[in-house]
Amino acid sequence: MTILITGATGLVGSRLLKRMIAAGLDCRAIIRPGKALPQGMTAVEADLLDPATLDDAVEGISAVVHLAAVFRTADTDAIWKANVDGTRNLIAAVKRRAPTVRFIMASTGLVYNADSPRPGLESDAITPEQAYPASKAVAEQELQGSGLIWSILRLPFVYGDQDGHIEALPKVMELFHWHPATRLSTVHHRDIQTAVDLALVGKFDGRIVNIVDDSSMSIYEMIKLIDGSVPPSNEPLTNPWFGQVDGKLARDLGFHPVVATPHQALREGSI
């Protein structure tokens, strides 16, 4: 089985790729010139925004794990081009050259409406407003209508492996005016592999699945977990379910996190 991975040099992709190589999987990664990748995998130079470069990248593959995305920029055009046009181009190449493979795409729990009356369910209607989740919602629709064998993994707040996500929370909280009591569903990088392994054998075929660990945690608590500081507040918390997703479907389909909570990650030295 040859697995094509996009976004392999990103925070999520680089950590997943190392774990997949360690597990003995045959991995092929789309990269741009000058990018370095770990030994044990095949690199192919291609660009998701250049359809002519993609046919060779997908030739002979058994599955796609599509992680490539743009979100940390104020350039909304770049976000839409990468997340929608790039996904469309990859889908088209797979349909031409490898139409029977499984296409697994990472999406985001941010697609759920901020004023949801409960943790986000996969069946909820979604109308995201910000460019990143809105573009991912469109990319989801493109894949669902592609005719391919697909699954979509909606990821919440991803952390661990010294990725700096928790350390960045104070700035993110200030930027988006988040309340310190806002609770975020979380998932460790190790369990992105747990989910991808299940998707690769068809457990999530034709489904959107929230991939989440066993407990949400407030922003305040997460920052304190790493001995950081954040101003406390007793102001009312609006949109109390923002940032939280329902993980029951994933459990029903066989997903059980290896890292159940950030507290476990801290004990194990993998925060």
Protein backbone atom coordinates (compact mmCIF):
# COMPACT_ATOMS: atom_id res chain seq x y z
CA MET A 1 0.00 0.00 0.00
CA THR A 2 1.45 3.35 -1.08
CA ILE A 3 -0.10 6.26 0.79
CA LEU A 4 0.10 9.76 -0.64
CA ILE A 5 0.29 12.49 2.01
CA THR A 6 -0.22 16.19 1.41
CA GLY A 7 0.81 18.79 3.96
CA ALA A 8 3.61 16.49 5.07
CA THR A 9 5.85 19.36 6.20
CA GLY A 10 3.18 21.01 8.37
CA LEU A 11 2.79 20.70 12.14
CA VAL A 12 0.26 17.88 11.82
CA GLY A 13 1.62 16.23 8.69
CA SER A 14 5.26 16.09 9.79
CA ARG A 15 4.35 14.34 13.03
CA LEU A 16 1.93 11.94 11.37
CA LEU A 17 4.42 11.11 8.63
CA LYS A 18 7.13 10.13 11.13
CA ARG A 19 4.69 7.82 12.90
CA MET A 20 3.52 6.22 9.66
CA ILE A 21 7.10 5.59 8.56
CA ALA A 22 7.90 4.08 11.97
CA ALA A 23 4.91 1.77 11.50
CA GLY A 24 6.45 0.50 8.26
CA LEU A 25 3.95 2.12 5.89
CA ASP A 26 4.98 3.02 2.35
CA CYS A 27 4.54 6.78 2.25
CA ARG A 28 4.82 9.24 -0.61
CA ALA A 29 4.69 12.95 0.18
CA ILE A 30 3.96 15.90 -2.06
CA ILE A 31 6.54 18.58 -1.37
CA ARG A 32 7.72 21.82 -2.85
CA PRO A 33 11.39 22.25 -3.87
CA GLY A 34 13.75 22.76 -0.95
CA LYS A 35 11.65 21.03 1.69
CA ALA A 36 13.32 18.29 3.75
CA LEU A 37 11.52 15.15 4.82
CA PRO A 38 12.52 12.19 7.00
CA GLN A 39 14.20 9.13 5.56
CA GLY A 40 12.06 6.15 4.73
CA MET A 41 9.57 7.85 2.44
CA THR A 42 9.34 8.96 -1.18
CA ALA A 43 9.12 12.64 -1.99
CA VAL A 44 7.50 13.93 -5.16
CA GLU A 45 7.69 17.56 -6.14
CA ALA A 46 4.24 18.86 -7.04
CA ASP A 47 1.91 21.76 -6.36
CA LEU A 48 -1.76 21.35 -5.51
CA LEU A 49 -2.46 24.59 -7.38
CA ASP A 50 -0.78 23.25 -10.55
CA PRO A 51 -2.91 20.38 -11.87
CA ALA A 52 -0.28 19.37 -14.43
CA THR A 53 2.07 18.29 -11.62
CA LEU A 54 -0.38 16.01 -9.83
CA ASP A 55 -0.90 13.02 -12.13
CA ASP A 56 2.55 11.58 -11.46
CA ALA A 57 2.09 12.19 -7.74
CA VAL A 58 -1.04 10.03 -7.54
CA GLU A 59 0.04 7.32 -10.01
CA GLY A 60 0.06 3.90 -8.36
CA ILE A 61 -1.11 5.00 -4.92
CA SER A 62 -3.46 3.04 -2.66
CA ALA A 63 -4.77 5.90 -0.51
CA VAL A 64 -4.58 9.66 0.00
CA VAL A 65 -4.26 11.44 3.33
CA HIS A 66 -4.97 15.08 2.49
CA LEU A 67 -3.68 17.36 5.25
CA ALA A 68 -2.52 20.37 3.25
CA ALA A 69 -4.29 23.58 4.22
CA VAL A 70 -3.66 27.29 4.68
CA PHE A 71 -5.09 29.09 7.70
CA ARG A 72 -2.46 31.16 9.52
CA THR A 73 -2.63 34.19 7.25
CA ALA A 74 -4.73 37.28 6.77
CA ASP A 75 -4.71 36.59 3.02
CA THR A 76 -8.18 35.13 2.54
CA ASP A 77 -7.59 34.58 -1.19
CA ALA A 78 -4.66 32.31 -0.35
CA ILE A 79 -6.83 30.40 2.11
CA TRP A 80 -9.59 29.80 -0.43
CA LYS A 81 -7.19 28.87 -3.25
CA ALA A 82 -5.24 26.38 -1.18
CA ASN A 83 -8.13 24.79 0.66
CA VAL A 84 -10.70 24.68 -2.12
CA ASP A 85 -8.86 24.87 -5.44
CA GLY A 86 -6.05 22.68 -4.16
CA THR A 87 -8.52 20.05 -2.97
CA ARG A 88 -10.44 20.18 -6.26
CA ASN A 89 -7.24 19.69 -8.23
CA LEU A 90 -6.17 16.74 -6.09
CA ILE A 91 -9.61 15.13 -6.36
CA ALA A 92 -9.51 15.51 -10.14
CA ALA A 93 -6.07 13.91 -10.38
CA VAL A 94 -7.14 10.99 -8.18
CA LYS A 95 -10.25 10.46 -10.30
CA ARG A 96 -8.09 10.37 -13.44
CA ARG A 97 -5.29 8.13 -12.20
CA ALA A 98 -6.40 6.29 -9.05
CA PRO A 99 -10.21 6.33 -8.88
CA THR A 100 -10.56 3.32 -6.54
CA VAL A 101 -8.35 4.57 -3.69
CA ARG A 102 -9.50 5.86 -0.33
CA PHE A 103 -9.33 9.64 -0.01
CA ILE A 104 -9.03 10.76 3.63
CA MET A 105 -9.21 14.49 4.29
CA ALA A 106 -8.53 16.42 7.48
CA SER A 107 -11.04 19.16 8.23
CA THR A 108 -11.73 21.23 11.33
CA GLY A 109 -14.16 21.42 14.23
CA LEU A 110 -14.25 25.16 13.59
CA VAL A 111 -16.85 24.53 10.86
CA TYR A 112 -19.50 24.24 13.59
CA ASN A 113 -21.54 27.33 14.33
CA ALA A 114 -20.33 29.36 17.30
CA ASP A 115 -23.83 29.55 18.75
CA SER A 116 -24.45 25.79 18.61
CA PRO A 117 -26.78 24.60 21.40
CA ARG A 118 -24.57 21.54 22.09
CA PRO A 119 -21.16 20.14 21.15
CA GLY A 120 -20.91 19.98 17.36
CA LEU A 121 -22.46 16.89 15.77
CA GLU A 122 -21.41 15.62 12.35
CA SER A 123 -25.03 15.89 11.20
CA ASP A 124 -25.38 19.57 12.16
CA ALA A 125 -26.02 22.18 9.51
CA ILE A 126 -22.97 24.42 9.33
CA THR A 127 -22.54 28.02 8.19
CA PRO A 128 -18.98 29.00 9.17
CA GLU A 129 -18.12 32.65 8.69
CA GLN A 130 -14.33 32.83 8.89
CA ALA A 131 -12.33 32.06 5.74
CA TYR A 132 -10.53 28.98 7.05
CA PRO A 133 -13.53 26.95 8.28
CA ALA A 134 -15.73 28.23 5.44
CA SER A 135 -13.19 27.07 2.87
CA LYS A 136 -12.83 23.70 4.59
CA ALA A 137 -16.62 23.27 4.54
CA VAL A 138 -16.60 23.80 0.77
CA ALA A 139 -13.69 21.36 0.40
CA GLU A 140 -15.71 18.79 2.37
CA GLN A 141 -18.59 19.22 -0.08
CA GLU A 142 -16.24 18.78 -3.04
CA LEU A 143 -14.99 15.48 -1.67
CA GLN A 144 -18.44 14.23 -0.71
CA GLY A 145 -19.66 14.81 -4.27
CA SER A 146 -16.58 13.39 -5.96
CA GLY A 147 -17.70 9.80 -6.40
CA LEU A 148 -14.52 8.61 -4.68
CA ILE A 149 -14.27 6.47 -1.55
CA TRP A 150 -13.90 9.20 1.03
CA SER A 151 -13.81 10.02 4.71
CA ILE A 152 -13.46 13.37 6.47
CA LEU A 153 -11.80 13.77 9.86
CA ARG A 154 -12.92 16.91 11.68
CA LEU A 155 -10.12 17.75 14.08
CA PRO A 156 -10.54 19.92 17.18
CA PHE A 157 -7.64 21.69 18.94
CA VAL A 158 -4.57 19.61 18.05
CA TYR A 159 -1.66 19.59 20.48
CA GLY A 160 1.36 17.65 21.69
CA ASP A 161 4.85 16.65 20.53
CA GLN A 162 6.14 20.13 21.43
CA ASP A 163 4.18 21.70 18.59
CA GLY A 164 3.71 25.00 20.45
CA HIS A 165 -0.08 25.10 20.09
CA ILE A 166 -0.82 25.39 23.80
CA GLU A 167 1.97 27.94 24.24
CA ALA A 168 0.34 30.05 21.50
CA LEU A 169 -3.08 30.06 23.17
CA PRO A 170 -2.66 33.38 25.06
CA LYS A 171 -2.05 35.25 21.79
CA VAL A 172 -4.88 33.42 20.03
CA MET A 173 -7.20 34.13 22.94
CA GLU A 174 -6.37 37.82 22.79
CA LEU A 175 -6.66 37.97 18.99
CA PHE A 176 -10.11 36.38 18.87
CA HIS A 177 -11.36 37.72 22.22
CA TRP A 178 -11.93 34.24 23.62
CA HIS A 179 -13.06 33.91 27.22
CA PRO A 180 -10.55 32.00 29.41
CA ALA A 181 -13.39 29.68 30.46
CA THR A 182 -13.97 28.61 26.86
CA ARG A 183 -13.59 24.85 26.74
CA LEU A 184 -11.88 23.28 23.73
CA SER A 185 -12.16 19.71 22.57
CA THR A 186 -8.65 18.38 22.00
CA VAL A 187 -6.75 15.61 20.27
CA HIS A 188 -3.09 14.65 20.56
CA HIS A 189 -0.95 14.13 17.46
CA ARG A 190 -0.62 10.45 18.38
CA ASP A 191 -4.35 10.03 17.96
CA ILE A 192 -4.43 11.61 14.55
CA GLN A 193 -2.49 8.50 13.59
CA THR A 194 -5.02 6.39 15.51
CA ALA A 195 -7.80 7.91 13.41
CA VAL A 196 -5.94 7.73 10.10
CA ASP A 197 -5.15 4.05 10.69
CA LEU A 198 -8.87 3.36 11.05
CA ALA A 199 -9.72 5.43 8.00
CA LEU A 200 -7.16 3.59 5.89
CA VAL A 201 -8.91 0.27 6.49
CA GLY A 202 -12.34 1.69 5.71
CA LYS A 203 -13.84 2.19 9.17
CA PHE A 204 -14.92 5.74 8.31
CA ASP A 205 -15.83 5.26 4.63
CA GLY A 206 -18.49 7.72 3.47
CA ARG A 207 -18.57 9.56 6.79
CA ILE A 208 -17.61 12.80 8.43
CA VAL A 209 -16.18 11.94 11.86
CA ASN A 210 -15.19 14.16 14.79
CA ILE A 211 -11.84 12.96 16.13
CA VAL A 212 -11.62 13.98 19.78
CA ASP A 213 -10.12 12.73 23.02
CA ASP A 214 -11.95 11.99 26.27
CA SER A 215 -12.27 15.44 27.82
CA SER A 216 -12.52 19.08 26.83
CA MET A 217 -10.45 21.58 28.80
CA SER A 218 -10.79 25.31 29.36
CA ILE A 219 -8.25 27.63 27.77
CA TYR A 220 -7.36 28.83 31.27
CA GLU A 221 -6.62 25.27 32.43
CA MET A 222 -4.57 24.39 29.36
CA ILE A 223 -2.35 27.43 29.72
CA LYS A 224 -1.89 26.73 33.44
CA LEU A 225 -0.98 23.15 32.53
CA ILE A 226 2.26 24.42 30.99
CA ASP A 227 2.78 26.98 33.76
CA GLY A 228 1.66 29.83 31.56
CA SER A 229 -0.44 32.77 32.67
CA VAL A 230 -3.72 34.20 31.47
CA PRO A 231 -5.92 36.88 33.06
CA PRO A 232 -8.89 35.30 34.88
CA SER A 233 -12.41 36.54 34.25
CA ASN A 234 -15.84 36.20 35.82
CA GLU A 235 -17.62 37.82 32.90
CA PRO A 236 -20.51 35.80 31.44
CA LEU A 237 -19.47 33.17 28.92
CA THR A 238 -21.33 33.53 25.62
CA ASN A 239 -21.62 30.65 23.15
CA PRO A 240 -20.68 28.04 25.78
CA TRP A 241 -20.41 25.17 23.28
CA PHE A 242 -18.04 26.95 20.90
CA GLY A 243 -14.89 24.85 20.41
CA GLN A 244 -16.45 21.58 21.58
CA VAL A 245 -17.37 18.64 19.37
CA ASP A 246 -19.24 15.41 20.02
CA GLY A 247 -17.06 12.29 19.79
CA LYS A 248 -19.68 9.55 20.09
CA LEU A 249 -19.71 8.57 16.42
CA ALA A 250 -15.96 8.06 16.39
CA ARG A 251 -16.23 5.79 19.46
CA ASP A 252 -19.04 3.83 17.82
CA LEU A 253 -16.80 3.29 14.78
CA GLY A 254 -13.86 2.02 16.84
CA PHE A 255 -11.81 5.11 17.64
CA HIS A 256 -10.41 5.13 21.17
CA PRO A 257 -7.71 7.70 21.95
CA VAL A 258 -4.30 6.52 23.07
CA VAL A 259 -3.81 9.89 24.80
CA ALA A 260 -7.06 10.44 26.65
CA THR A 261 -6.40 13.96 28.00
CA PRO A 262 -3.73 16.68 28.04
CA HIS A 263 -3.05 15.67 31.64
CA GLN A 264 -1.95 12.25 30.40
CA ALA A 265 0.24 13.87 27.73
CA LEU A 266 1.89 15.99 30.42
CA ARG A 267 2.60 12.94 32.59
CA GLU A 268 4.11 11.14 29.63
CA GLY A 269 6.25 14.10 28.57
CA SER A 270 4.53 14.50 25.21
CA ILE A 271 2.71 17.78 25.73
